[in-house]
């Protein structure tokens, strides 16, 4: 779920918040052209509802796209706790611990990144 209570910053994209998950093929799907792969990547979206008031203390950001891994840096596109979108570039030399953590993260995971590293961008740049 979103790390904030504001309106969704990516609603202009015509795509919902989602994440990919590999699933095994059903018996019926195994009879199609997908049978050569054995697994299929499905897109999932979710909504979390809770009765009562919501109190959030988490300052984690959520990955809205898969982490782009390069040889000495990673690029993370995030939905931030303040309700905005940001892109963060973590380098192996300057951000060693965050770099190692980000390389292990998947699409939809949360990651704790200091707010001074955020580089805000337009919704159309995603």
N, C-alpha and C. Protein backbone atom coordinates (compact mmCIF):
# COMPACT_ATOMS: atom_id res chain seq x y z
N UNK A 1 0.83 -1.21 0.00
CA UNK A 1 0.00 0.00 0.00
C UNK A 1 0.86 1.26 0.00
N UNK A 2 0.22 2.35 -0.30
CA UNK A 2 0.95 3.62 -0.36
C UNK A 2 1.53 3.98 1.01
N UNK A 3 2.69 4.63 1.04
CA UNK A 3 3.29 5.02 2.30
C UNK A 3 2.74 6.35 2.84
N UNK A 4 1.61 6.82 2.29
CA UNK A 4 1.06 8.11 2.71
C UNK A 4 -0.46 8.07 2.63
N UNK A 5 -1.13 9.13 3.11
CA UNK A 5 -2.58 9.21 3.09
C UNK A 5 -3.09 10.23 2.07
N UNK A 6 -2.24 10.80 1.24
CA UNK A 6 -2.66 11.76 0.24
C UNK A 6 -3.20 11.01 -0.99
N UNK A 7 -3.66 11.78 -1.97
CA UNK A 7 -4.14 11.15 -3.20
C UNK A 7 -2.95 10.54 -3.95
N UNK A 8 -3.24 9.57 -4.76
CA UNK A 8 -2.19 8.84 -5.47
C UNK A 8 -1.52 9.74 -6.50
N UNK A 9 -0.18 9.85 -6.47
CA UNK A 9 0.52 10.74 -7.41
C UNK A 9 0.66 10.15 -8.81
N UNK A 10 0.30 8.90 -9.03
CA UNK A 10 0.47 8.30 -10.36
C UNK A 10 -0.84 8.00 -11.04
N UNK A 11 -1.92 8.66 -10.67
CA UNK A 11 -3.22 8.39 -11.29
C UNK A 11 -3.29 8.92 -12.71
N UNK A 12 -2.41 9.81 -13.13
CA UNK A 12 -2.42 10.33 -14.49
C UNK A 12 -1.85 9.35 -15.51
N UNK A 13 -1.32 8.24 -15.07
CA UNK A 13 -0.67 7.30 -15.97
C UNK A 13 -1.63 6.34 -16.66
N UNK A 14 -2.88 6.28 -16.27
CA UNK A 14 -3.86 5.31 -16.76
C UNK A 14 -3.50 3.88 -16.36
N UNK A 15 -2.66 3.71 -15.38
CA UNK A 15 -2.29 2.40 -14.86
C UNK A 15 -2.40 2.44 -13.33
N UNK A 16 -2.92 1.40 -12.72
CA UNK A 16 -3.02 1.38 -11.26
C UNK A 16 -1.67 1.05 -10.62
N UNK A 17 -1.57 1.28 -9.33
CA UNK A 17 -0.40 0.80 -8.59
C UNK A 17 -0.42 -0.72 -8.70
N UNK A 18 0.70 -1.30 -9.03
CA UNK A 18 0.71 -2.74 -9.22
C UNK A 18 2.11 -3.29 -8.98
N UNK A 19 2.18 -4.60 -8.92
CA UNK A 19 3.46 -5.27 -8.83
C UNK A 19 3.36 -6.59 -9.58
N UNK A 20 4.47 -7.11 -10.01
CA UNK A 20 4.51 -8.36 -10.77
C UNK A 20 4.90 -9.51 -9.87
N UNK A 21 4.31 -10.67 -10.13
CA UNK A 21 4.63 -11.87 -9.37
C UNK A 21 4.60 -13.06 -10.32
N UNK A 22 5.59 -13.91 -10.25
CA UNK A 22 5.61 -15.12 -11.07
C UNK A 22 4.69 -16.15 -10.43
N UNK A 23 3.84 -16.76 -11.24
CA UNK A 23 2.91 -17.79 -10.76
C UNK A 23 3.05 -19.02 -11.66
N UNK A 24 2.76 -20.18 -11.09
CA UNK A 24 2.78 -21.40 -11.88
C UNK A 24 1.55 -21.42 -12.77
N UNK A 25 1.68 -22.03 -13.92
CA UNK A 25 0.57 -22.10 -14.86
C UNK A 25 -0.48 -23.10 -14.37
N UNK A 26 -1.73 -22.77 -14.60
CA UNK A 26 -2.81 -23.71 -14.27
C UNK A 26 -2.81 -24.83 -15.30
N UNK A 27 -3.60 -25.85 -15.05
CA UNK A 27 -3.66 -26.99 -15.96
C UNK A 27 -4.11 -26.55 -17.35
N UNK A 28 -5.10 -25.64 -17.42
CA UNK A 28 -5.60 -25.16 -18.70
C UNK A 28 -4.55 -24.34 -19.43
N UNK A 29 -3.78 -23.54 -18.70
CA UNK A 29 -2.75 -22.70 -19.33
C UNK A 29 -1.58 -23.53 -19.85
N UNK A 30 -1.37 -24.70 -19.26
CA UNK A 30 -0.26 -25.54 -19.69
C UNK A 30 -0.49 -26.09 -21.09
N UNK A 31 -1.71 -26.03 -21.58
CA UNK A 31 -2.03 -26.50 -22.93
C UNK A 31 -1.86 -25.40 -23.98
N UNK A 32 -1.41 -24.21 -23.58
CA UNK A 32 -1.23 -23.09 -24.50
C UNK A 32 0.25 -22.91 -24.83
N UNK A 33 0.56 -21.82 -25.51
CA UNK A 33 1.95 -21.53 -25.87
C UNK A 33 2.81 -21.17 -24.66
N UNK A 34 2.19 -20.89 -23.51
CA UNK A 34 2.95 -20.55 -22.32
C UNK A 34 3.64 -21.77 -21.69
N UNK A 35 3.30 -22.97 -22.14
CA UNK A 35 3.80 -24.19 -21.49
C UNK A 35 5.33 -24.30 -21.53
N UNK A 36 5.95 -23.64 -22.48
CA UNK A 36 7.42 -23.73 -22.59
C UNK A 36 8.11 -23.01 -21.44
N UNK A 37 7.45 -22.02 -20.87
CA UNK A 37 8.05 -21.27 -19.77
C UNK A 37 7.81 -21.94 -18.42
N UNK A 38 6.64 -22.53 -18.22
CA UNK A 38 6.33 -23.17 -16.94
C UNK A 38 5.79 -22.21 -15.91
N UNK A 39 6.20 -20.95 -15.97
CA UNK A 39 5.67 -19.93 -15.08
C UNK A 39 5.26 -18.73 -15.92
N UNK A 40 4.46 -17.88 -15.32
CA UNK A 40 3.95 -16.70 -16.02
C UNK A 40 3.99 -15.53 -15.06
N UNK A 41 4.32 -14.36 -15.54
CA UNK A 41 4.35 -13.17 -14.71
C UNK A 41 2.98 -12.49 -14.75
N UNK A 42 2.33 -12.41 -13.60
CA UNK A 42 1.02 -11.78 -13.49
C UNK A 42 1.17 -10.43 -12.80
N UNK A 43 0.29 -9.51 -13.13
CA UNK A 43 0.26 -8.19 -12.50
C UNK A 43 -0.81 -8.21 -11.41
N UNK A 44 -0.48 -7.74 -10.21
CA UNK A 44 -1.41 -7.69 -9.10
C UNK A 44 -1.53 -6.27 -8.59
N UNK A 45 -2.70 -5.93 -8.12
CA UNK A 45 -2.95 -4.65 -7.48
C UNK A 45 -3.75 -4.96 -6.22
N UNK A 46 -3.62 -4.13 -5.21
CA UNK A 46 -4.33 -4.41 -3.98
C UNK A 46 -4.76 -3.14 -3.28
N UNK A 47 -5.76 -3.30 -2.43
CA UNK A 47 -6.27 -2.21 -1.61
C UNK A 47 -6.34 -2.72 -0.19
N UNK A 48 -5.87 -1.93 0.75
CA UNK A 48 -5.91 -2.31 2.16
C UNK A 48 -6.93 -1.42 2.85
N UNK A 49 -7.92 -2.03 3.47
CA UNK A 49 -8.96 -1.30 4.19
C UNK A 49 -8.91 -1.69 5.65
N UNK A 50 -9.07 -0.70 6.51
CA UNK A 50 -9.06 -0.96 7.94
C UNK A 50 -10.09 -0.06 8.59
N UNK A 51 -10.82 -0.63 9.52
CA UNK A 51 -11.83 0.12 10.24
C UNK A 51 -11.15 0.97 11.31
N UNK A 52 -11.61 2.21 11.48
CA UNK A 52 -11.04 3.09 12.49
C UNK A 52 -10.07 4.08 11.89
N UNK A 53 -9.39 4.79 12.77
CA UNK A 53 -8.46 5.82 12.30
C UNK A 53 -7.12 5.20 11.92
N UNK A 54 -6.41 5.89 11.06
CA UNK A 54 -5.12 5.41 10.56
C UNK A 54 -4.01 6.28 11.14
N UNK A 55 -3.05 5.65 11.75
CA UNK A 55 -1.88 6.37 12.24
C UNK A 55 -0.66 5.75 11.57
N UNK A 56 0.10 6.57 10.90
CA UNK A 56 1.29 6.08 10.22
C UNK A 56 2.53 6.72 10.83
N UNK A 57 3.51 5.89 11.12
CA UNK A 57 4.78 6.39 11.63
C UNK A 57 5.92 6.00 10.70
N UNK A 58 5.61 5.23 9.68
CA UNK A 58 6.64 4.76 8.77
C UNK A 58 7.11 5.88 7.85
N UNK A 59 8.40 5.97 7.65
CA UNK A 59 8.98 6.93 6.73
C UNK A 59 9.58 6.21 5.53
N UNK A 60 9.07 5.00 5.25
CA UNK A 60 9.57 4.21 4.13
C UNK A 60 8.92 4.64 2.83
N UNK A 61 9.67 4.50 1.76
CA UNK A 61 9.15 4.75 0.42
C UNK A 61 8.89 3.42 -0.24
N UNK A 62 7.96 3.41 -1.21
CA UNK A 62 7.63 2.18 -1.92
C UNK A 62 8.13 2.26 -3.35
N UNK A 63 8.74 1.17 -3.82
CA UNK A 63 9.23 1.08 -5.19
C UNK A 63 8.04 0.93 -6.14
N UNK A 64 7.89 1.87 -7.08
CA UNK A 64 6.75 1.80 -7.98
C UNK A 64 7.11 1.14 -9.31
N UNK A 65 8.38 0.88 -9.54
CA UNK A 65 8.86 0.16 -10.72
C UNK A 65 10.04 -0.70 -10.28
N UNK A 66 10.39 -1.72 -11.07
CA UNK A 66 11.56 -2.52 -10.69
C UNK A 66 12.82 -1.67 -10.61
N UNK A 67 13.72 -2.06 -9.73
CA UNK A 67 14.99 -1.36 -9.55
C UNK A 67 15.84 -1.57 -10.81
N UNK A 68 16.40 -0.49 -11.34
CA UNK A 68 17.27 -0.58 -12.50
C UNK A 68 18.69 -0.75 -11.97
N UNK A 69 19.27 -1.91 -12.23
CA UNK A 69 20.59 -2.24 -11.68
C UNK A 69 21.66 -2.01 -12.74
N UNK A 70 22.66 -1.27 -12.38
CA UNK A 70 23.82 -1.02 -13.21
C UNK A 70 25.06 -1.53 -12.48
N UNK A 71 26.22 -1.41 -13.09
CA UNK A 71 27.42 -2.00 -12.48
C UNK A 71 27.83 -1.31 -11.18
N UNK A 72 27.75 0.01 -11.10
CA UNK A 72 28.17 0.70 -9.88
C UNK A 72 27.08 1.58 -9.27
N UNK A 73 25.86 1.49 -9.78
CA UNK A 73 24.76 2.25 -9.21
C UNK A 73 23.43 1.58 -9.50
N UNK A 74 22.41 1.96 -8.74
CA UNK A 74 21.04 1.51 -8.98
C UNK A 74 20.14 2.73 -9.04
N UNK A 75 19.06 2.62 -9.81
CA UNK A 75 18.09 3.69 -9.94
C UNK A 75 16.76 3.19 -9.42
N UNK A 76 16.20 3.90 -8.43
CA UNK A 76 14.94 3.52 -7.80
C UNK A 76 13.91 4.61 -8.05
N UNK A 77 12.73 4.23 -8.53
CA UNK A 77 11.62 5.17 -8.67
C UNK A 77 10.65 4.86 -7.55
N UNK A 78 10.35 5.90 -6.74
CA UNK A 78 9.67 5.70 -5.47
C UNK A 78 8.40 6.53 -5.33
N UNK A 79 7.48 6.02 -4.53
CA UNK A 79 6.35 6.79 -4.03
C UNK A 79 6.73 7.13 -2.58
N UNK A 80 6.86 8.41 -2.30
CA UNK A 80 7.41 8.88 -1.02
C UNK A 80 6.35 9.07 0.05
N UNK A 81 6.76 9.10 1.32
CA UNK A 81 5.81 9.31 2.42
C UNK A 81 5.12 10.68 2.38
N UNK A 82 5.71 11.66 1.67
CA UNK A 82 5.07 12.97 1.59
C UNK A 82 4.07 13.06 0.45
N UNK A 83 3.81 11.96 -0.28
CA UNK A 83 2.80 11.92 -1.32
C UNK A 83 3.29 12.29 -2.70
N UNK A 84 4.59 12.31 -2.92
CA UNK A 84 5.13 12.67 -4.23
C UNK A 84 5.92 11.50 -4.81
N UNK A 85 6.25 11.62 -6.08
CA UNK A 85 7.09 10.63 -6.74
C UNK A 85 8.52 11.13 -6.76
N UNK A 86 9.46 10.22 -6.64
CA UNK A 86 10.86 10.62 -6.71
C UNK A 86 11.69 9.52 -7.34
N UNK A 87 12.85 9.92 -7.78
CA UNK A 87 13.82 9.00 -8.33
C UNK A 87 15.10 9.15 -7.53
N UNK A 88 15.69 8.05 -7.14
CA UNK A 88 16.90 8.07 -6.34
C UNK A 88 17.96 7.23 -7.05
N UNK A 89 19.15 7.80 -7.18
CA UNK A 89 20.29 7.07 -7.73
C UNK A 89 21.23 6.80 -6.58
N UNK A 90 21.47 5.53 -6.29
CA UNK A 90 22.35 5.12 -5.20
C UNK A 90 23.62 4.54 -5.80
N UNK A 91 24.76 5.10 -5.43
CA UNK A 91 26.03 4.63 -5.98
C UNK A 91 26.73 3.70 -4.99
N UNK A 92 27.58 2.87 -5.54
CA UNK A 92 28.31 1.89 -4.74
C UNK A 92 29.31 2.55 -3.80
N UNK A 93 29.90 3.66 -4.20
CA UNK A 93 30.92 4.30 -3.38
C UNK A 93 30.33 5.23 -2.32
N UNK A 94 29.33 6.04 -2.68
CA UNK A 94 28.78 7.01 -1.74
C UNK A 94 27.73 6.43 -0.80
N UNK A 95 26.91 5.50 -1.29
CA UNK A 95 25.78 4.96 -0.52
C UNK A 95 25.90 3.45 -0.40
N UNK A 96 26.98 2.96 0.16
CA UNK A 96 27.30 1.54 0.14
C UNK A 96 26.19 0.67 0.74
N UNK A 97 25.70 1.00 1.94
CA UNK A 97 24.68 0.17 2.59
C UNK A 97 23.34 0.24 1.87
N UNK A 98 22.93 1.44 1.48
CA UNK A 98 21.67 1.59 0.74
C UNK A 98 21.75 0.92 -0.63
N UNK A 99 22.91 0.99 -1.26
CA UNK A 99 23.13 0.36 -2.56
C UNK A 99 22.93 -1.15 -2.46
N UNK A 100 23.52 -1.77 -1.46
CA UNK A 100 23.38 -3.22 -1.27
C UNK A 100 21.94 -3.60 -0.98
N UNK A 101 21.26 -2.81 -0.16
CA UNK A 101 19.86 -3.09 0.17
C UNK A 101 18.97 -2.94 -1.05
N UNK A 102 19.18 -1.89 -1.84
CA UNK A 102 18.33 -1.63 -3.00
C UNK A 102 18.48 -2.70 -4.07
N UNK A 103 19.67 -3.25 -4.22
CA UNK A 103 19.87 -4.30 -5.23
C UNK A 103 19.06 -5.55 -4.93
N UNK A 104 18.73 -5.77 -3.66
CA UNK A 104 17.96 -6.95 -3.26
C UNK A 104 16.45 -6.72 -3.31
N UNK A 105 16.03 -5.47 -3.44
CA UNK A 105 14.61 -5.14 -3.39
C UNK A 105 13.91 -5.47 -4.70
N UNK A 106 12.62 -5.76 -4.60
CA UNK A 106 11.78 -6.05 -5.76
C UNK A 106 10.73 -4.96 -5.92
N UNK A 107 10.07 -4.98 -7.02
CA UNK A 107 8.99 -4.06 -7.33
C UNK A 107 7.90 -4.17 -6.27
N UNK A 108 7.53 -3.07 -5.63
CA UNK A 108 6.48 -3.07 -4.62
C UNK A 108 7.01 -3.12 -3.19
N UNK A 109 8.29 -3.37 -3.00
CA UNK A 109 8.88 -3.41 -1.66
C UNK A 109 9.05 -2.00 -1.11
N UNK A 110 9.23 -1.91 0.20
CA UNK A 110 9.53 -0.63 0.83
C UNK A 110 11.02 -0.53 1.08
N UNK A 111 11.50 0.70 1.10
CA UNK A 111 12.92 0.95 1.34
C UNK A 111 13.04 2.27 2.11
N UNK A 112 13.92 2.28 3.09
CA UNK A 112 14.16 3.48 3.90
C UNK A 112 15.31 4.28 3.30
N UNK A 113 14.98 5.40 2.71
CA UNK A 113 15.98 6.27 2.10
C UNK A 113 15.83 7.66 2.70
N UNK A 114 16.92 8.29 3.13
CA UNK A 114 16.82 9.65 3.67
C UNK A 114 16.22 10.61 2.65
N UNK A 115 15.39 11.53 3.12
CA UNK A 115 14.67 12.44 2.22
C UNK A 115 15.60 13.38 1.45
N UNK A 116 16.80 13.60 1.94
CA UNK A 116 17.72 14.49 1.22
C UNK A 116 18.20 13.88 -0.10
N UNK A 117 18.03 12.59 -0.29
CA UNK A 117 18.45 11.92 -1.52
C UNK A 117 17.39 11.95 -2.61
N UNK A 118 16.15 12.35 -2.26
CA UNK A 118 15.06 12.34 -3.24
C UNK A 118 15.30 13.36 -4.34
N UNK A 119 15.01 12.97 -5.55
CA UNK A 119 15.06 13.85 -6.71
C UNK A 119 13.66 13.79 -7.32
N UNK A 120 12.88 14.82 -7.08
CA UNK A 120 11.49 14.81 -7.52
C UNK A 120 11.40 15.02 -9.02
N UNK A 121 10.40 14.36 -9.63
CA UNK A 121 10.25 14.46 -11.07
C UNK A 121 8.78 14.51 -11.43
N UNK A 122 8.51 14.80 -12.69
CA UNK A 122 7.16 14.90 -13.20
C UNK A 122 6.49 13.54 -13.28
N UNK A 123 5.18 13.51 -13.20
CA UNK A 123 4.44 12.25 -13.30
C UNK A 123 4.59 11.62 -14.68
N UNK A 124 4.85 12.41 -15.69
CA UNK A 124 4.97 11.90 -17.05
C UNK A 124 6.30 11.24 -17.32
N UNK A 125 7.26 11.38 -16.43
CA UNK A 125 8.60 10.82 -16.63
C UNK A 125 8.69 9.37 -16.20
N UNK A 126 7.67 8.82 -15.61
CA UNK A 126 7.73 7.44 -15.11
C UNK A 126 7.82 6.46 -16.25
